[in-house]
Protein backbone atom coordinates (compact mmCIF):
# COMPACT_ATOMS: atom_id res chain seq x y z
CA MET A 1 58.17 108.78 86.33
CA SER A 2 59.62 105.35 87.00
CA PRO A 3 63.30 104.71 86.36
CA LYS A 4 64.24 101.77 84.21
CA PRO A 5 65.63 98.67 85.92
CA ALA A 6 68.97 99.19 84.23
CA ALA A 7 69.19 102.67 85.67
CA GLN A 8 68.31 101.33 89.09
CA ARG A 9 71.05 98.73 88.90
CA SER A 10 73.45 101.41 87.71
CA VAL A 11 72.84 103.59 90.77
CA LEU A 12 73.22 100.64 93.13
CA GLY A 13 76.29 99.39 91.28
CA VAL A 14 77.94 102.80 91.42
CA GLY A 15 77.26 102.95 95.15
CA SER A 16 78.98 99.59 95.66
CA VAL A 17 82.05 100.56 93.63
CA VAL A 18 82.30 103.93 95.32
CA GLY A 19 81.91 102.36 98.77
CA LEU A 20 84.73 99.87 98.26
CA ALA A 21 87.03 102.45 96.68
CA THR A 22 86.32 104.96 99.44
CA LEU A 23 86.99 102.35 102.11
CA PHE A 24 90.40 101.65 100.60
CA SER A 25 91.13 105.38 100.33
CA LYS A 26 90.12 105.98 103.95
CA MET A 27 92.35 103.14 105.13
CA ILE A 28 95.34 104.78 103.45
CA GLY A 29 94.35 108.07 105.06
CA LEU A 30 94.17 106.35 108.43
CA LEU A 31 97.64 104.92 107.83
CA ARG A 32 98.89 108.47 107.32
CA ASP A 33 97.37 109.53 110.63
CA LEU A 34 98.86 106.51 112.41
CA VAL A 35 102.32 107.33 111.12
CA MET A 36 101.96 111.00 112.06
CA ALA A 37 100.66 110.20 115.55
CA SER A 38 103.35 107.62 116.20
CA VAL A 39 106.19 109.94 115.15
CA PHE A 40 104.92 113.25 116.55
CA GLY A 41 102.21 112.37 119.13
CA ILE A 42 100.00 115.42 119.66
CA GLY A 43 102.97 117.76 119.20
CA VAL A 44 102.07 119.11 115.75
CA ASP A 45 99.92 122.09 116.70
CA ALA A 46 101.90 124.33 114.31
CA PHE A 47 101.05 122.12 111.33
CA ILE A 48 97.40 121.81 112.39
CA ILE A 49 97.11 125.60 112.58
CA ALA A 50 98.91 126.13 109.26
CA ASN A 51 97.00 123.42 107.42
CA LYS A 52 93.52 124.61 108.30
CA LEU A 53 93.11 126.84 105.25
CA PRO A 54 95.03 124.78 102.63
CA GLY A 55 93.64 121.50 103.96
CA PHE A 56 90.14 122.88 104.01
CA LEU A 57 90.44 124.13 100.43
CA LEU A 58 91.81 120.79 99.27
CA ILE A 59 88.96 118.85 100.86
CA LEU A 60 86.10 121.25 100.12
CA LEU A 61 87.04 122.76 96.74
CA GLY A 62 89.02 119.78 95.49
CA GLY A 63 87.03 117.03 97.12
CA VAL A 64 84.26 114.87 95.80
CA ASN A 65 80.89 116.47 96.66
CA GLY A 66 82.60 119.85 97.12
CA PRO A 67 81.18 123.03 95.53
CA PHE A 68 83.28 122.88 92.34
CA HIS A 69 82.57 119.19 91.88
CA SER A 70 78.85 119.71 92.49
CA ALA A 71 78.63 122.72 90.17
CA VAL A 72 80.28 120.90 87.27
CA VAL A 73 78.15 117.78 87.74
CA SER A 74 74.96 119.86 87.87
CA VAL A 75 75.74 121.40 84.45
CA VAL A 76 77.74 118.77 82.58
CA ALA A 77 75.36 115.90 83.46
CA ARG A 78 72.81 117.54 81.13
CA GLN A 79 75.27 118.20 78.27
CA GLU A 80 76.39 116.29 75.22
CA ARG A 81 79.99 115.04 75.47
CA ARG A 82 81.21 117.17 72.57
CA GLU A 83 80.33 120.36 74.45
CA THR A 84 82.23 119.44 77.58
CA ALA A 85 85.89 119.95 76.61
CA GLU A 86 85.58 123.64 75.68
CA LEU A 87 83.43 124.34 78.72
CA MET A 88 85.97 122.79 81.08
CA GLU A 89 88.90 124.61 79.49
CA SER A 90 87.03 127.90 79.88
CA VAL A 91 86.04 127.22 83.51
CA ASN A 92 89.58 126.04 84.36
CA THR A 93 91.01 129.29 82.96
CA VAL A 94 88.74 131.53 85.02
CA VAL A 95 89.05 129.49 88.21
CA GLY A 96 92.81 129.06 87.78
CA LEU A 97 93.37 132.82 87.59
CA LEU A 98 91.15 133.51 90.60
CA LEU A 99 92.69 130.82 92.79
CA GLY A 100 96.19 131.80 91.71
CA VAL A 101 95.50 135.18 93.30
CA VAL A 102 94.13 133.41 96.37
CA SER A 103 97.36 131.39 96.67
CA LEU A 104 99.43 134.56 96.54
CA GLY A 105 97.18 136.07 99.19
CA LEU A 106 97.71 133.04 101.46
CA TRP A 107 101.49 133.33 101.13
CA TRP A 108 101.58 137.07 101.75
CA GLY A 109 98.94 137.02 104.51
CA ALA A 110 100.28 133.97 106.37
CA PRO A 111 101.13 135.95 109.54
CA PHE A 112 97.62 137.41 109.59
CA PHE A 113 95.82 134.07 109.10
CA VAL A 114 97.94 132.35 111.73
CA GLY A 115 97.48 135.25 114.13
CA LEU A 116 93.71 135.01 113.80
CA VAL A 117 93.59 131.68 115.57
CA ALA A 118 96.91 131.15 117.31
CA GLN A 119 97.19 134.14 119.60
CA GLY A 120 97.00 131.83 122.59
CA ALA A 121 99.73 129.52 121.25
CA PRO A 122 103.44 129.89 122.18
CA LEU A 123 105.45 132.17 119.89
CA ASP A 124 107.59 129.37 118.44
CA ILE A 125 104.47 127.49 117.35
CA GLN A 126 103.14 130.61 115.64
CA VAL A 127 106.41 131.14 113.76
CA GLN A 128 106.49 127.50 112.61
CA ALA A 129 102.86 127.74 111.48
CA ILE A 130 103.55 130.83 109.34
CA GLY A 131 106.39 129.05 107.54
CA GLN A 132 104.33 125.93 106.91
CA LEU A 133 101.34 127.90 105.64
CA ARG A 134 103.56 129.60 103.07
CA VAL A 135 104.77 126.22 101.84
CA MET A 136 101.17 125.05 101.39
CA ALA A 137 99.78 128.27 99.86
CA PRO A 138 99.73 126.90 96.25
CA VAL A 139 97.33 124.18 97.41
CA ALA A 140 94.50 126.71 96.95
CA LEU A 141 95.11 126.73 93.18
CA PHE A 142 95.41 122.97 92.81
CA ALA A 143 92.36 122.36 95.00
CA GLY A 144 90.03 124.18 92.61
CA LEU A 145 91.46 122.49 89.52
CA ILE A 146 91.16 119.07 91.16
CA GLY A 147 87.54 119.72 92.09
CA LEU A 148 86.62 120.81 88.57
CA GLY A 149 88.38 117.83 87.02
CA PHE A 150 86.76 115.31 89.30
CA GLY A 151 83.39 116.94 88.68
CA VAL A 152 83.59 116.37 84.94
CA LEU A 153 84.80 112.78 85.46
CA THR A 154 81.85 112.06 87.76
CA ALA A 155 79.38 113.65 85.35
CA ARG A 156 80.69 111.31 82.66
CA ASP A 157 80.27 108.27 84.93
CA HIS A 158 83.93 107.80 85.85
CA TYR A 159 83.66 107.38 89.62
CA LEU A 160 86.72 105.36 90.63
CA LEU A 161 89.47 107.96 90.28
CA PRO A 162 87.66 110.74 92.19
CA THR A 163 86.94 108.29 94.99
CA ILE A 164 90.47 106.96 95.44
CA SER A 165 92.27 110.23 94.71
CA PRO A 166 93.02 111.04 98.38
CA ILE A 167 95.34 108.01 98.31
CA PHE A 168 97.88 110.08 96.41
CA SER A 169 97.79 112.88 98.97
CA SER A 170 97.97 110.47 101.92
CA GLY A 171 100.77 108.51 100.30
CA ALA A 172 102.81 111.66 99.73
CA ALA A 173 102.43 112.62 103.40
CA VAL A 174 103.49 109.15 104.59
CA LEU A 175 106.59 109.19 102.38
CA ALA A 176 107.50 112.68 103.59
CA ILE A 177 107.28 111.59 107.24
CA VAL A 178 109.13 108.29 106.81
CA LEU A 179 111.94 109.65 104.64
CA PHE A 180 112.51 113.16 105.96
CA ALA A 181 110.97 113.60 109.43
CA PRO A 182 114.13 112.42 111.29
CA VAL A 183 116.04 115.33 109.71
CA TYR A 184 113.47 118.09 109.19
CA GLY A 185 110.84 117.32 111.84
CA PRO A 186 107.16 118.38 111.46
CA GLN A 187 108.09 120.76 108.62
CA VAL A 188 107.89 117.80 106.21
CA LEU A 189 104.13 117.59 106.77
CA ALA A 190 103.60 120.83 104.85
CA TRP A 191 105.67 119.62 101.90
CA GLY A 192 103.76 116.34 101.93
CA VAL A 193 100.44 118.18 101.61
CA LEU A 194 101.71 120.26 98.69
CA GLY A 195 103.23 117.26 96.91
CA GLY A 196 100.04 115.26 97.34
CA ALA A 197 97.91 118.05 95.84
CA VAL A 198 100.14 118.34 92.78
CA LEU A 199 100.06 114.56 92.30
CA GLN A 200 96.25 114.43 92.54
CA TRP A 201 95.91 117.13 89.90
CA LEU A 202 98.37 115.57 87.46
CA ILE A 203 96.76 112.13 87.59
CA GLN A 204 93.21 113.35 87.03
CA LEU A 205 94.42 115.69 84.27
CA ILE A 206 95.91 112.75 82.34
CA VAL A 207 92.59 110.89 82.56
CA GLN A 208 90.68 113.96 81.36
CA TRP A 209 92.94 114.27 78.33
CA ARG A 210 92.50 110.62 77.40
CA LEU A 211 88.70 110.94 77.62
CA GLY A 212 88.57 114.14 75.60
CA LEU A 213 87.20 116.18 78.51
CA GLY A 214 89.55 119.14 78.27
CA THR A 215 93.24 120.02 78.21
CA LEU A 216 95.45 122.80 79.60
CA ARG A 217 94.50 125.07 76.70
CA PRO A 218 93.48 128.48 78.10
CA ARG A 219 90.09 129.83 77.01
CA TRP A 220 88.94 133.18 78.35
CA ARG A 221 85.15 133.03 77.93
CA PRO A 222 83.71 134.23 81.25
CA ARG A 223 80.50 135.48 79.57
CA ASP A 224 79.64 132.14 77.99
CA PRO A 225 76.19 131.07 79.36
CA GLN A 226 77.39 127.58 80.33
CA VAL A 227 80.49 128.96 82.04
CA GLN A 228 78.34 131.43 83.94
CA LYS A 229 76.00 128.61 84.89
CA VAL A 230 78.85 126.62 86.44
CA LEU A 231 80.27 129.67 88.18
CA GLY A 232 76.78 130.74 89.25
CA ILE A 233 76.50 127.54 91.30
CA ALA A 234 80.16 127.26 92.31
CA ALA A 235 80.56 130.83 93.59
CA PRO A 236 77.84 130.85 96.28
CA ALA A 237 78.53 127.18 97.04
CA SER A 238 82.20 128.02 97.59
CA GLY A 239 81.14 130.95 99.72
CA SER A 240 79.03 128.60 101.78
CA SER A 241 81.96 126.21 102.16
CA LEU A 242 84.37 129.02 103.05
CA LEU A 243 81.93 130.20 105.69
CA LEU A 244 82.11 126.70 107.15
CA ASN A 245 85.86 127.28 107.38
CA VAL A 246 85.13 130.28 109.56
CA ASN A 247 83.61 127.74 111.95
CA VAL A 248 86.76 125.63 111.73
CA TYR A 249 88.87 128.67 112.54
CA THR A 250 86.56 129.51 115.41
CA ASP A 251 87.03 126.02 116.81
CA LEU A 252 90.79 126.34 116.40
CA PHE A 253 90.83 129.75 118.10
CA PHE A 254 89.14 128.35 121.20
CA ALA A 255 91.30 125.21 121.07
CA THR A 256 94.50 127.27 121.27
CA GLN A 257 93.06 129.08 124.29
CA LEU A 258 92.62 125.82 126.22
CA ALA A 259 96.00 124.04 126.21
CA VAL A 260 98.86 122.94 123.97
CA GLY A 261 97.82 119.74 122.17
CA VAL A 262 94.08 120.44 122.05
CA ALA A 263 94.31 121.64 118.44
CA THR A 264 96.01 118.40 117.42
CA ALA A 265 93.51 116.33 119.42
CA LEU A 266 90.69 118.12 117.61
CA GLU A 267 92.28 117.22 114.29
CA TYR A 268 92.77 113.53 115.12
CA ALA A 269 89.19 113.27 116.40
CA ASN A 270 87.87 114.91 113.26
CA ARG A 271 89.83 112.47 111.10
CA LEU A 272 88.23 109.55 112.94
CA ILE A 273 84.76 111.02 112.47
CA GLN A 274 85.34 111.74 108.79
CA THR A 275 86.44 108.17 108.03
CA PRO A 276 82.98 106.55 108.27
CA LEU A 277 81.27 109.77 107.16
CA GLY A 278 83.49 110.02 104.10
CA ILE A 279 82.64 106.47 103.07
CA LEU A 280 78.90 106.94 103.58
CA SER A 281 78.95 110.39 101.99
CA ASN A 282 80.63 109.11 98.84
CA VAL A 283 78.37 106.06 98.61
CA LEU A 284 75.26 108.23 98.87
CA LEU A 285 76.15 111.51 97.23
CA ILE A 286 78.40 110.61 94.30
CA PRO A 287 75.74 108.57 92.44
CA ALA A 288 72.86 110.66 93.83
CA LEU A 289 73.91 114.15 92.72
CA PRO A 290 73.82 113.45 88.95
CA LEU A 291 70.47 111.70 89.49
CA TYR A 292 69.07 114.66 91.46
CA SER A 293 70.23 117.01 88.70
CA ARG A 294 68.42 114.96 86.06
CA LEU A 295 65.24 115.03 88.17
CA ALA A 296 65.28 118.79 88.71
CA ALA A 297 62.50 119.49 86.20
CA GLU A 298 59.06 120.20 87.63
CA GLU A 299 57.51 117.12 86.02
CA ASP A 300 60.06 114.89 87.79
CA ARG A 301 59.49 116.46 91.21
CA PRO A 302 57.55 113.47 92.69
CA GLU A 303 60.43 111.11 91.98
CA LEU A 304 62.97 113.62 93.29
CA ARG A 305 61.04 113.81 96.58
CA LEU A 306 61.12 110.03 96.80
CA ARG A 307 64.85 109.86 96.11
CA VAL A 308 65.61 112.47 98.75
CA ARG A 309 63.48 110.58 101.27
CA GLN A 310 65.38 107.43 100.36
CA GLY A 311 68.72 109.16 101.03
CA VAL A 312 67.61 110.48 104.42
CA LEU A 313 66.29 107.07 105.42
CA ILE A 314 69.57 105.36 104.56
CA ILE A 315 71.44 107.94 106.64
CA LEU A 316 69.21 107.25 109.63
CA VAL A 317 69.56 103.48 109.41
CA TRP A 318 73.31 103.42 108.78
CA VAL A 319 74.68 106.41 110.64
CA LEU A 320 72.71 106.48 113.90
CA PRO A 321 74.00 103.04 115.01
CA VAL A 322 77.56 103.90 113.90
CA SER A 323 77.34 107.12 115.92
CA ALA A 324 76.13 105.24 119.01
CA LEU A 325 78.94 102.68 118.74
CA ALA A 326 81.54 105.42 118.26
CA ILE A 327 80.42 107.26 121.40
CA ALA A 328 80.21 104.11 123.53
CA LEU A 329 83.60 102.75 122.45
CA ALA A 330 85.47 106.02 121.89
CA GLU A 331 88.33 105.46 124.33
CA PRO A 332 89.30 101.87 123.36
CA LEU A 333 88.88 102.79 119.69
CA VAL A 334 91.30 105.71 119.92
CA SER A 335 93.67 103.58 121.97
CA VAL A 336 93.80 100.80 119.37
CA ILE A 337 94.29 103.19 116.49
CA PHE A 338 96.72 105.77 117.86
CA GLU A 339 98.29 104.72 121.15
CA ARG A 340 101.86 103.81 120.22
CA GLY A 341 105.19 105.57 119.89
CA ASN A 342 104.91 109.13 121.16
CA PHE A 343 101.11 108.95 121.47
CA THR A 344 100.39 108.29 125.17
CA ALA A 345 97.41 107.08 127.24
CA ARG A 346 96.81 110.68 128.29
CA ASP A 347 96.60 111.67 124.63
CA THR A 348 94.11 108.85 124.09
CA LEU A 349 91.77 110.15 126.77
CA LEU A 350 91.78 113.69 125.36
CA VAL A 351 91.19 112.60 121.76
CA ALA A 352 88.47 110.14 122.82
CA GLN A 353 86.53 112.83 124.68
CA VAL A 354 86.69 115.18 121.70
CA PHE A 355 85.83 112.35 119.31
CA ALA A 356 82.70 111.35 121.27
CA GLY A 357 81.36 114.91 121.11
CA GLY A 358 81.74 114.98 117.35
CA ALA A 359 80.37 111.47 116.80
CA LEU A 360 77.08 112.64 118.33
CA GLY A 361 76.49 114.84 115.29
CA MET A 362 77.35 112.40 112.50
CA THR A 363 73.73 111.97 111.39
CA PHE A 364 73.10 115.72 111.30
CA TYR A 365 76.35 116.34 109.42
CA LEU A 366 75.61 113.87 106.64
CA THR A 367 71.93 114.84 106.35
CA ARG A 368 72.95 118.48 106.01
CA ASP A 369 75.31 117.60 103.15
CA LEU A 370 72.62 115.58 101.38
CA LEU A 371 70.07 118.41 101.61
CA ILE A 372 72.59 120.97 100.36
CA ARG A 373 73.20 118.80 97.26
CA VAL A 374 69.47 118.81 96.55
CA PHE A 375 69.56 122.61 96.50
CA TYR A 376 72.55 122.49 94.13
CA ALA A 377 70.69 120.09 91.82
CA LEU A 378 67.79 122.57 91.74
CA GLY A 379 70.22 125.33 90.76
CA ASP A 380 69.95 127.12 94.10
CA ALA A 381 73.23 127.64 95.93
CA ARG A 382 72.15 130.84 97.68
CA PHE A 383 69.96 129.32 100.36
CA PRO A 384 72.75 127.02 101.65
CA LEU A 385 74.98 130.11 101.70
CA LYS A 386 72.49 131.87 103.98
CA VAL A 387 72.36 128.80 106.24
CA SER A 388 76.17 128.78 106.49
CA THR A 389 76.11 132.47 107.42
CA LEU A 390 73.68 131.72 110.23
CA GLY A 391 75.96 128.88 111.33
CA ILE A 392 78.90 131.22 111.94
CA ALA A 393 77.17 133.15 114.71
CA THR A 394 75.69 129.95 116.14
CA ASN A 395 79.07 128.22 116.21
CA LEU A 396 80.78 131.19 117.83
CA LEU A 397 78.20 131.29 120.60
CA LEU A 398 78.22 127.52 121.18
CA ASP A 399 82.03 127.31 121.10
CA TRP A 400 82.32 130.02 123.73
CA LEU A 401 79.63 128.50 125.94
CA LEU A 402 80.37 124.78 125.64
CA SER A 403 84.17 125.07 125.81
CA ARG A 404 83.72 126.85 129.13
CA LEU A 405 81.39 124.13 130.38
CA PHE A 406 83.09 121.01 128.99
CA GLY A 407 86.56 122.06 127.84
CA ALA A 408 87.88 120.49 124.62
CA PRO A 409 84.85 118.20 124.04
CA GLY A 410 82.65 121.29 124.05
CA LEU A 411 84.14 122.31 120.69
CA THR A 412 82.87 119.21 118.91
CA LEU A 413 79.57 119.38 120.78
CA ALA A 414 79.21 122.89 119.38
CA SER A 415 79.76 121.56 115.84
CA THR A 416 77.05 118.97 116.46
CA GLY A 417 74.66 121.72 117.50
CA VAL A 418 75.44 123.80 114.42
CA SER A 419 74.81 120.83 112.09
CA ALA A 420 71.50 120.05 113.81
CA ILE A 421 70.26 123.63 113.44
CA ALA A 422 71.41 123.74 109.80
CA CYS A 423 69.43 120.55 109.07
CA ALA A 424 66.27 122.05 110.51
CA VAL A 425 66.61 125.25 108.46
CA LEU A 426 67.48 123.37 105.25
CA VAL A 427 64.48 121.07 105.65
CA GLY A 428 62.18 124.08 106.01
CA GLY A 429 63.68 125.77 102.96
CA LEU A 430 63.54 122.64 100.83
CA ARG A 431 59.93 122.00 101.80
CA ARG A 432 59.00 125.44 100.49
CA ARG A 433 61.21 125.06 97.40
CA MET A 434 59.69 121.70 96.41
CA ALA A 435 56.12 122.35 97.65
CA GLY A 436 56.43 119.55 100.19
CA LEU A 437 58.87 116.72 100.87
CA GLY A 438 56.60 113.72 101.32
CA TRP A 439 58.19 112.75 104.64
CA ALA A 440 55.02 111.52 106.35
CA GLY A 441 55.84 108.63 108.68
CA LEU A 442 59.57 109.31 108.68
CA GLY A 443 59.38 110.65 112.25
CA ARG A 444 58.24 107.27 113.57
CA THR A 445 61.02 105.52 111.67
CA PHE A 446 63.56 107.95 113.12
CA THR A 447 62.29 107.38 116.66
CA LEU A 448 62.47 103.59 116.36
CA VAL A 449 65.93 103.61 114.78
CA ALA A 450 67.18 106.09 117.41
CA LEU A 451 65.91 103.90 120.26
CA GLY A 452 67.59 100.90 118.67
CA SER A 453 70.83 102.89 118.39
CA LEU A 454 70.69 103.72 122.11
CA LEU A 455 70.39 100.01 122.84
CA THR A 456 73.25 99.36 120.42
CA GLY A 457 75.56 101.82 122.17
CA GLY A 458 74.53 100.72 125.65
CA GLY A 459 74.97 97.05 124.81
CA ALA A 460 78.41 97.63 123.28
CA TRP A 461 79.58 99.68 126.27
CA GLY A 462 78.26 97.12 128.75
CA THR A 463 79.90 94.27 126.86
CA TYR A 464 83.27 96.01 126.72
CA SER A 465 83.11 96.85 130.43
CA PHE A 466 82.16 93.27 131.31
CA LEU A 467 84.97 91.84 129.21
CA GLY A 468 87.34 94.27 130.89
CA THR A 469 86.54 92.78 134.30
CA LEU A 470 87.08 89.24 132.99
CA TRP A 471 90.22 90.07 131.04
CA PRO A 472 91.86 93.24 132.38
CA ALA A 473 94.79 93.12 129.95
CA VAL A 474 95.37 96.44 128.15
CA GLY A 475 97.66 95.45 125.29
CA LEU A 476 96.84 96.11 121.65
CA LEU A 477 95.60 92.57 121.00
CA ALA A 478 93.47 92.41 124.16
CA VAL A 479 91.83 95.80 123.61
CA GLY A 480 91.30 95.05 119.94
CA LEU A 481 89.56 91.74 120.64
CA LYS A 482 87.32 93.20 123.34
CA LEU A 483 86.49 96.13 121.07
CA THR A 484 85.60 93.80 118.20
CA VAL A 485 83.32 91.60 120.34
CA ALA A 486 81.56 94.64 121.82
CA GLY A 487 81.07 96.25 118.42
CA LEU A 488 79.72 93.07 116.82
CA LEU A 489 77.28 92.55 119.68
CA GLY A 490 76.08 96.13 119.27
CA ILE A 491 75.44 95.52 115.57
CA VAL A 492 73.51 92.35 116.40
CA ILE A 493 71.37 94.27 118.89
CA GLN A 494 70.51 96.86 116.24
CA GLY A 495 69.66 94.14 113.72
CA VAL A 496 67.41 92.30 116.15
CA TRP A 497 65.68 95.55 117.12
CA LEU A 498 64.93 96.40 113.49
CA TRP A 499 63.73 92.86 112.85
CA ILE A 500 61.35 93.02 115.83
CA TRP A 501 59.71 96.20 114.61
CA ARG A 502 59.80 95.23 110.92
CA ILE A 503 59.73 98.81 109.71
CA PRO A 504 58.58 98.56 106.05
CA GLU A 505 60.90 101.29 104.77
CA VAL A 506 63.88 99.75 106.50
CA ASN A 507 63.09 96.41 104.92
CA GLU A 508 63.02 98.13 101.52
CA LEU A 509 65.94 100.54 101.89
CA THR A 510 66.21 101.21 98.19
CA LEU A 511 62.45 101.93 97.95
CA LEU A 512 62.65 100.71 94.36
CA ARG A 513 59.25 99.03 94.51
CA ARG A 514 57.66 102.30 95.61
CA VAL A 515 59.01 104.51 92.85
CA GLY A 516 56.06 104.15 90.55
CA ARG A 517 53.27 103.73 93.08
CA GLY A 518 52.76 107.37 93.98
CA LYS A 519 53.29 106.76 97.71
CA ARG A 520 54.46 109.97 99.31
């Protein structure tokens, strides 16, 4: 089946809008991190420990491409608009009750959850973390409602608000720090997270009401087939996501065993990694998931294979060079972004080392997320759940081994290993599920793009080092200029390399001319 030109333009147009909106949202998020680093340095281990569960729930359950968002899109994208309002009110009622209980459990069990990962931390940090976790406990409830709301907005082709929604959370955190940190210290971070979650929910709720996509009216219809369909995808998908949080807690446990400040360094490094990944993830997955869901029927399977191949190819071409540049320029990049106020050169070195380990796995991380969404579109959330279960044991083993060998960077190297293994297992499962993927020739493309990325990283590192000998100044302007020149040269190297090899699929990234030709 060949999509109509208008549909093709729609997918590309959505990707452009989402990309620009996500870029703006990520910049506001980066501003939040800059303010936090400048005021507190790497001295917010208590908040990092406390925020792991609420922050994870807000990003995974409430975030775009999270399990609730994906479940709603998978069902609502196939519905008539008039059916949507009652469905969403029913799902909101069931999910609201369940996550209300979860919020109470977080408040009551705060000492237990903090104790799981912070046994190696000083006692005062543990006490502060317990108090901050209790402040943020209601985030579990709002996270689920946000995810459901943004799912229905996406399914009805309203992409802008879900993409920019983190601005409200980031803005609340910045205001909390600027206005109240001098008096209340790091405690204000917890209140900022809670306030941001409430604000995100209220704004998307208003938009839902105006579009006729559901209100706050409670409807207890858990046996409704459509409700069960949403929950049937969301439940195992949420389980899969929560199992990923076990990996986050495992990382945090080993981080608190190493030294004070490692937990915060891990968080800052992860934020840097998630900035480009978040942009690329939203550009690829927000418009792709509804499309995948509409192509889930057996007769549309050839086109679905082609679309999945297209997504993987774009990841390879975009993310591999970004990953290489991030590793090569990790230290000056962290310095330019964070090194001011209470954030010192020593902090820069630690965060840069951790950041480089995580940047190595960017391609695996994004490919894994893409493949999981294909399973969701096919109505199968159980296989990704099994993969996440396997990842827990793998992450535990790699964390223990690599943190002993490499210290703090070993924790992000372990995450890279887990993502790589998950990709391999998901590819095997999807090949069986779809009776083949049609990936012939993709291995050669990967090899050529990977070699070009190595040249990109090497050229950028060599350029920065050379400029450092000519201009040894270390101020913000000097480092920023040298970093910019090195990064631009690396991009040029990658472009020239791809031009030399003239890889057909790279020259036709959208693959639109191949859709109807039957090339697999």
